[in-house]
Amino acid sequence: MQPGSALTEGFVKNNFIIDTPKLQTLRLRYTSTFLTLVFWILWFYLWVPLITLAGWWFQIRLFEQEMVMVEGFDAFLEVLPTFIAVIFALTGTLGFWALYNYQRFKGIDRRKPVPSVGKDDLIELLPITESGLTAMQSNKISVVKITEQGEIIVDDGR
């Protein structure tokens, strides 16, 4: 068995476990997810002091400059009603659009299941015989050869 491969259901998969997470046990997946979460939290926690310091410095300078020195508070109060009206207009528009779509599409499920593909469909689509298709579906290992004419020949691999 190659390094990084796993034994599953009697077949040897040559894919690395990291590339096929379905081969990992549930415990291994939960452990990996938990450790990833812990390290992301640690990473953000390490940046908090610098982010806070930058925020304090910029906000204190900006607030003092705009509100105290330039008397920007009066300008803010003048623009506040327009700002609030725009926020309510955008929120109302989005709310009405959501309500319209809810009323239009409620109870309608347009998603249809994909029909299953049967043997007859595959035989019609591919240049393969019924015995070759049955062999491909039942053999553990199949060698598939495609001839110059495009025919599919199936061998059991022995």
C-alpha atoms as a PDB file:
ATOM      1  CA  MET A   1       0.000   0.000   0.000  1.00  0.00           C
ATOM      2  CA  GLN A   2       1.377   3.426  -0.926  1.00  0.00           C
ATOM      3  CA  PRO A   3       2.047   6.019   1.775  1.00  0.00           C
ATOM      4  CA  GLY A   4      -1.032   8.153   2.328  1.00  0.00           C
ATOM      5  CA  SER A   5      -3.457   5.581   0.934  1.00  0.00           C
ATOM      6  CA  ALA A   6      -6.240   3.974   2.930  1.00  0.00           C
ATOM      7  CA  LEU A   7      -7.937   0.580   2.869  1.00  0.00           C
ATOM      8  CA  THR A   8     -11.688   0.929   2.373  1.00  0.00           C
ATOM      9  CA  GLU A   9     -14.283  -1.744   1.678  1.00  0.00           C
ATOM     10  CA  GLY A  10     -11.624  -4.123   0.438  1.00  0.00           C
ATOM     11  CA  PHE A  11     -10.389  -1.699  -2.229  1.00  0.00           C
ATOM     12  CA  VAL A  12      -7.109   0.147  -1.956  1.00  0.00           C
ATOM     13  CA  LYS A  13      -7.576   3.809  -2.752  1.00  0.00           C
ATOM     14  CA  ASN A  14      -4.459   5.593  -3.900  1.00  0.00           C
ATOM     15  CA  ASN A  15      -5.860   9.022  -3.128  1.00  0.00           C
ATOM     16  CA  PHE A  16      -4.444  10.832  -0.174  1.00  0.00           C
ATOM     17  CA  ILE A  17      -6.814  11.066   2.768  1.00  0.00           C
ATOM     18  CA  ILE A  18      -6.411  14.842   2.822  1.00  0.00           C
ATOM     19  CA  ASP A  19      -7.711  14.960  -0.774  1.00  0.00           C
ATOM     20  CA  THR A  20     -10.653  12.681   0.014  1.00  0.00           C
ATOM     21  CA  PRO A  21     -12.070  13.673   3.410  1.00  0.00           C
ATOM     22  CA  LYS A  22     -14.769  11.010   3.131  1.00  0.00           C
ATOM     23  CA  LEU A  23     -12.051   8.464   3.965  1.00  0.00           C
ATOM     24  CA  GLN A  24     -11.401  10.147   7.319  1.00  0.00           C
ATOM     25  CA  THR A  25     -13.168   8.855  10.383  1.00  0.00           C
ATOM     26  CA  LEU A  26     -15.818  11.042  11.957  1.00  0.00           C
ATOM     27  CA  ARG A  27     -13.616  11.550  15.015  1.00  0.00           C
ATOM     28  CA  LEU A  28     -10.702  12.682  12.838  1.00  0.00           C
ATOM     29  CA  ARG A  29     -12.899  15.140  10.916  1.00  0.00           C
ATOM     30  CA  TYR A  30     -14.329  16.654  14.128  1.00  0.00           C
ATOM     31  CA  THR A  31     -10.861  16.904  15.660  1.00  0.00           C
ATOM     32  CA  SER A  32      -9.494  18.605  12.553  1.00  0.00           C
ATOM     33  CA  THR A  33     -12.408  21.053  12.441  1.00  0.00           C
ATOM     34  CA  PHE A  34     -12.080  21.833  16.150  1.00  0.00           C
ATOM     35  CA  LEU A  35      -8.329  22.462  15.887  1.00  0.00           C
ATOM     36  CA  THR A  36      -8.833  24.695  12.855  1.00  0.00           C
ATOM     37  CA  LEU A  37     -11.425  26.725  14.780  1.00  0.00           C
ATOM     38  CA  VAL A  38      -9.142  27.028  17.808  1.00  0.00           C
ATOM     39  CA  PHE A  39      -6.215  28.263  15.738  1.00  0.00           C
ATOM     40  CA  TRP A  40      -8.360  30.775  13.813  1.00  0.00           C
ATOM     41  CA  ILE A  41      -9.596  32.184  17.127  1.00  0.00           C
ATOM     42  CA  LEU A  42      -6.008  32.356  18.386  1.00  0.00           C
ATOM     43  CA  TRP A  43      -4.930  34.099  15.174  1.00  0.00           C
ATOM     44  CA  PHE A  44      -7.640  36.779  15.514  1.00  0.00           C
ATOM     45  CA  TYR A  45      -6.919  37.148  19.223  1.00  0.00           C
ATOM     46  CA  LEU A  46      -3.260  37.941  18.478  1.00  0.00           C
ATOM     47  CA  TRP A  47      -4.273  40.767  16.111  1.00  0.00           C
ATOM     48  CA  VAL A  48      -6.809  42.396  18.464  1.00  0.00           C
ATOM     49  CA  PRO A  49      -4.336  44.710  20.270  1.00  0.00           C
ATOM     50  CA  LEU A  50      -2.944  46.131  17.006  1.00  0.00           C
ATOM     51  CA  ILE A  51      -6.399  46.577  15.496  1.00  0.00           C
ATOM     52  CA  THR A  52      -7.609  48.284  18.656  1.00  0.00           C
ATOM     53  CA  LEU A  53      -4.582  50.577  18.773  1.00  0.00           C
ATOM     54  CA  ALA A  54      -5.024  51.592  15.128  1.00  0.00           C
ATOM     55  CA  GLY A  55      -8.743  52.161  15.655  1.00  0.00           C
ATOM     56  CA  TRP A  56      -8.194  54.367  18.668  1.00  0.00           C
ATOM     57  CA  TRP A  57      -5.548  56.430  16.910  1.00  0.00           C
ATOM     58  CA  PHE A  58      -7.546  56.998  13.697  1.00  0.00           C
ATOM     59  CA  GLN A  59     -10.914  57.549  15.342  1.00  0.00           C
ATOM     60  CA  ILE A  60      -9.652  59.938  17.983  1.00  0.00           C
ATOM     61  CA  ARG A  61      -7.809  62.029  15.374  1.00  0.00           C
ATOM     62  CA  LEU A  62     -10.707  61.949  12.888  1.00  0.00           C
ATOM     63  CA  PHE A  63     -13.378  62.701  15.487  1.00  0.00           C
ATOM     64  CA  GLU A  64     -11.457  65.600  16.951  1.00  0.00           C
ATOM     65  CA  GLN A  65     -10.666  67.060  13.514  1.00  0.00           C
ATOM     66  CA  GLU A  66     -14.154  66.726  12.008  1.00  0.00           C
ATOM     67  CA  MET A  67     -16.450  67.364  14.973  1.00  0.00           C
ATOM     68  CA  VAL A  68     -14.588  69.788  17.208  1.00  0.00           C
ATOM     69  CA  MET A  69     -12.285  71.845  14.998  1.00  0.00           C
ATOM     70  CA  VAL A  70     -14.422  72.097  11.851  1.00  0.00           C
ATOM     71  CA  GLU A  71     -17.754  72.034  13.763  1.00  0.00           C
ATOM     72  CA  GLY A  72     -18.925  69.066  11.740  1.00  0.00           C
ATOM     73  CA  PHE A  73     -21.659  68.117  14.186  1.00  0.00           C
ATOM     74  CA  ASP A  74     -23.982  70.784  12.747  1.00  0.00           C
ATOM     75  CA  ALA A  75     -23.408  69.441   9.230  1.00  0.00           C
ATOM     76  CA  PHE A  76     -24.079  65.928  10.510  1.00  0.00           C
ATOM     77  CA  LEU A  77     -27.412  67.024  11.997  1.00  0.00           C
ATOM     78  CA  GLU A  78     -28.363  68.706   8.689  1.00  0.00           C
ATOM     79  CA  VAL A  79     -27.713  65.523   6.666  1.00  0.00           C
ATOM     80  CA  LEU A  80     -29.176  63.106   9.253  1.00  0.00           C
ATOM     81  CA  PRO A  81     -32.843  63.236   8.052  1.00  0.00           C
ATOM     82  CA  THR A  82     -31.789  62.546   4.439  1.00  0.00           C
ATOM     83  CA  PHE A  83     -29.536  59.732   5.588  1.00  0.00           C
ATOM     84  CA  ILE A  84     -32.358  58.143   7.603  1.00  0.00           C
ATOM     85  CA  ALA A  85     -34.795  58.539   4.668  1.00  0.00           C
ATOM     86  CA  VAL A  86     -32.387  56.786   2.287  1.00  0.00           C
ATOM     87  CA  ILE A  87     -31.888  53.937   4.770  1.00  0.00           C
ATOM     88  CA  PHE A  88     -35.648  53.471   5.168  1.00  0.00           C
ATOM     89  CA  ALA A  89     -36.183  53.643   1.377  1.00  0.00           C
ATOM     90  CA  LEU A  90     -33.540  50.974   0.731  1.00  0.00           C
ATOM     91  CA  THR A  91     -34.839  48.780   3.558  1.00  0.00           C
ATOM     92  CA  GLY A  92     -38.439  49.177   2.381  1.00  0.00           C
ATOM     93  CA  THR A  93     -37.546  48.397  -1.219  1.00  0.00           C
ATOM     94  CA  LEU A  94     -35.683  45.261  -0.185  1.00  0.00           C
ATOM     95  CA  GLY A  95     -38.543  44.244   2.123  1.00  0.00           C
ATOM     96  CA  PHE A  96     -41.161  44.700  -0.603  1.00  0.00           C
ATOM     97  CA  TRP A  97     -38.999  42.779  -3.084  1.00  0.00           C
ATOM     98  CA  ALA A  98     -38.661  39.900  -0.608  1.00  0.00           C
ATOM     99  CA  LEU A  99     -42.425  39.935   0.081  1.00  0.00           C
ATOM    100  CA  TYR A 100     -43.197  39.979  -3.658  1.00  0.00           C
ATOM    101  CA  ASN A 101     -40.916  36.986  -4.293  1.00  0.00           C
ATOM    102  CA  TYR A 102     -42.323  35.140  -1.294  1.00  0.00           C
ATOM    103  CA  GLN A 103     -45.901  35.616  -2.547  1.00  0.00           C
ATOM    104  CA  ARG A 104     -44.911  34.725  -6.109  1.00  0.00           C
ATOM    105  CA  PHE A 105     -42.984  31.540  -5.329  1.00  0.00           C
ATOM    106  CA  LYS A 106     -44.447  30.212  -2.071  1.00  0.00           C
ATOM    107  CA  GLY A 107     -45.466  26.586  -2.267  1.00  0.00           C
ATOM    108  CA  ILE A 108     -43.764  26.119  -5.638  1.00  0.00           C
ATOM    109  CA  ASP A 109     -40.797  23.795  -5.731  1.00  0.00           C
ATOM    110  CA  ARG A 110     -39.322  23.954  -9.210  1.00  0.00           C
ATOM    111  CA  ARG A 111     -36.388  21.718  -8.349  1.00  0.00           C
ATOM    112  CA  LYS A 112     -36.879  18.342  -9.951  1.00  0.00           C
ATOM    113  CA  PRO A 113     -34.824  15.256  -9.144  1.00  0.00           C
ATOM    114  CA  VAL A 114     -32.483  14.070 -11.854  1.00  0.00           C
ATOM    115  CA  PRO A 115     -33.782  10.813 -13.331  1.00  0.00           C
ATOM    116  CA  SER A 116     -31.577   7.817 -12.703  1.00  0.00           C
ATOM    117  CA  VAL A 117     -29.570   6.453 -15.596  1.00  0.00           C
ATOM    118  CA  GLY A 118     -30.389   2.866 -16.483  1.00  0.00           C
ATOM    119  CA  LYS A 119     -28.471   0.232 -18.399  1.00  0.00           C
ATOM    120  CA  ASP A 120     -30.478   0.857 -21.550  1.00  0.00           C
ATOM    121  CA  ASP A 121     -29.597   4.554 -21.461  1.00  0.00           C
ATOM    122  CA  LEU A 122     -25.882   3.795 -21.126  1.00  0.00           C
ATOM    123  CA  ILE A 123     -25.956   1.197 -23.907  1.00  0.00           C
ATOM    124  CA  GLU A 124     -27.733   3.690 -26.159  1.00  0.00           C
ATOM    125  CA  LEU A 125     -25.305   6.502 -25.301  1.00  0.00           C
ATOM    126  CA  LEU A 126     -22.016   4.595 -25.302  1.00  0.00           C
ATOM    127  CA  PRO A 127     -20.683   2.141 -27.887  1.00  0.00           C
ATOM    128  CA  ILE A 128     -20.668  -0.772 -25.424  1.00  0.00           C
ATOM    129  CA  THR A 129     -22.369  -4.135 -25.289  1.00  0.00           C
ATOM    130  CA  GLU A 130     -24.694  -5.165 -22.489  1.00  0.00           C
ATOM    131  CA  SER A 131     -22.245  -7.855 -21.338  1.00  0.00           C
ATOM    132  CA  GLY A 132     -19.413  -5.287 -21.241  1.00  0.00           C
ATOM    133  CA  LEU A 133     -21.516  -2.887 -19.177  1.00  0.00           C
ATOM    134  CA  THR A 134     -22.526  -5.652 -16.772  1.00  0.00           C
ATOM    135  CA  ALA A 135     -18.861  -6.626 -16.413  1.00  0.00           C
ATOM    136  CA  MET A 136     -17.865  -3.017 -15.643  1.00  0.00           C
ATOM    137  CA  GLN A 137     -20.531  -2.747 -12.967  1.00  0.00           C
ATOM    138  CA  SER A 138     -19.799  -6.084 -11.308  1.00  0.00           C
ATOM    139  CA  ASN A 139     -15.998  -6.452 -11.531  1.00  0.00           C
ATOM    140  CA  LYS A 140     -13.830  -5.110  -8.738  1.00  0.00           C
ATOM    141  CA  ILE A 141     -11.170  -4.257 -11.313  1.00  0.00           C
ATOM    142  CA  SER A 142     -11.928  -3.653 -14.971  1.00  0.00           C
ATOM    143  CA  VAL A 143      -9.583  -2.786 -17.805  1.00  0.00           C
ATOM    144  CA  VAL A 144     -11.350  -0.613 -20.350  1.00  0.00           C
ATOM    145  CA  LYS A 145      -9.936  -0.349 -23.869  1.00  0.00           C
ATOM    146  CA  ILE A 146     -11.216   1.964 -26.546  1.00  0.00           C
ATOM    147  CA  THR A 147     -10.527   0.812 -30.094  1.00  0.00           C
ATOM    148  CA  GLU A 148      -9.686   3.016 -33.076  1.00  0.00           C
ATOM    149  CA  GLN A 149     -13.333   2.733 -34.163  1.00  0.00           C
ATOM    150  CA  GLY A 150     -14.497   4.023 -30.750  1.00  0.00           C
ATOM    151  CA  GLU A 151     -15.789   0.701 -29.404  1.00  0.00           C
ATOM    152  CA  ILE A 152     -15.443   0.035 -25.686  1.00  0.00           C
ATOM    153  CA  ILE A 153     -13.985  -3.351 -24.743  1.00  0.00           C
ATOM    154  CA  VAL A 154     -14.060  -4.451 -21.114  1.00  0.00           C
ATOM    155  CA  ASP A 155     -11.664  -6.991 -19.568  1.00  0.00           C
ATOM    156  CA  ASP A 156     -11.851  -8.252 -15.987  1.00  0.00           C
ATOM    157  CA  GLY A 157      -8.216  -7.293 -15.371  1.00  0.00           C
ATOM    158  CA  ARG A 158      -6.830 -10.835 -15.035  1.00  0.00           C
END
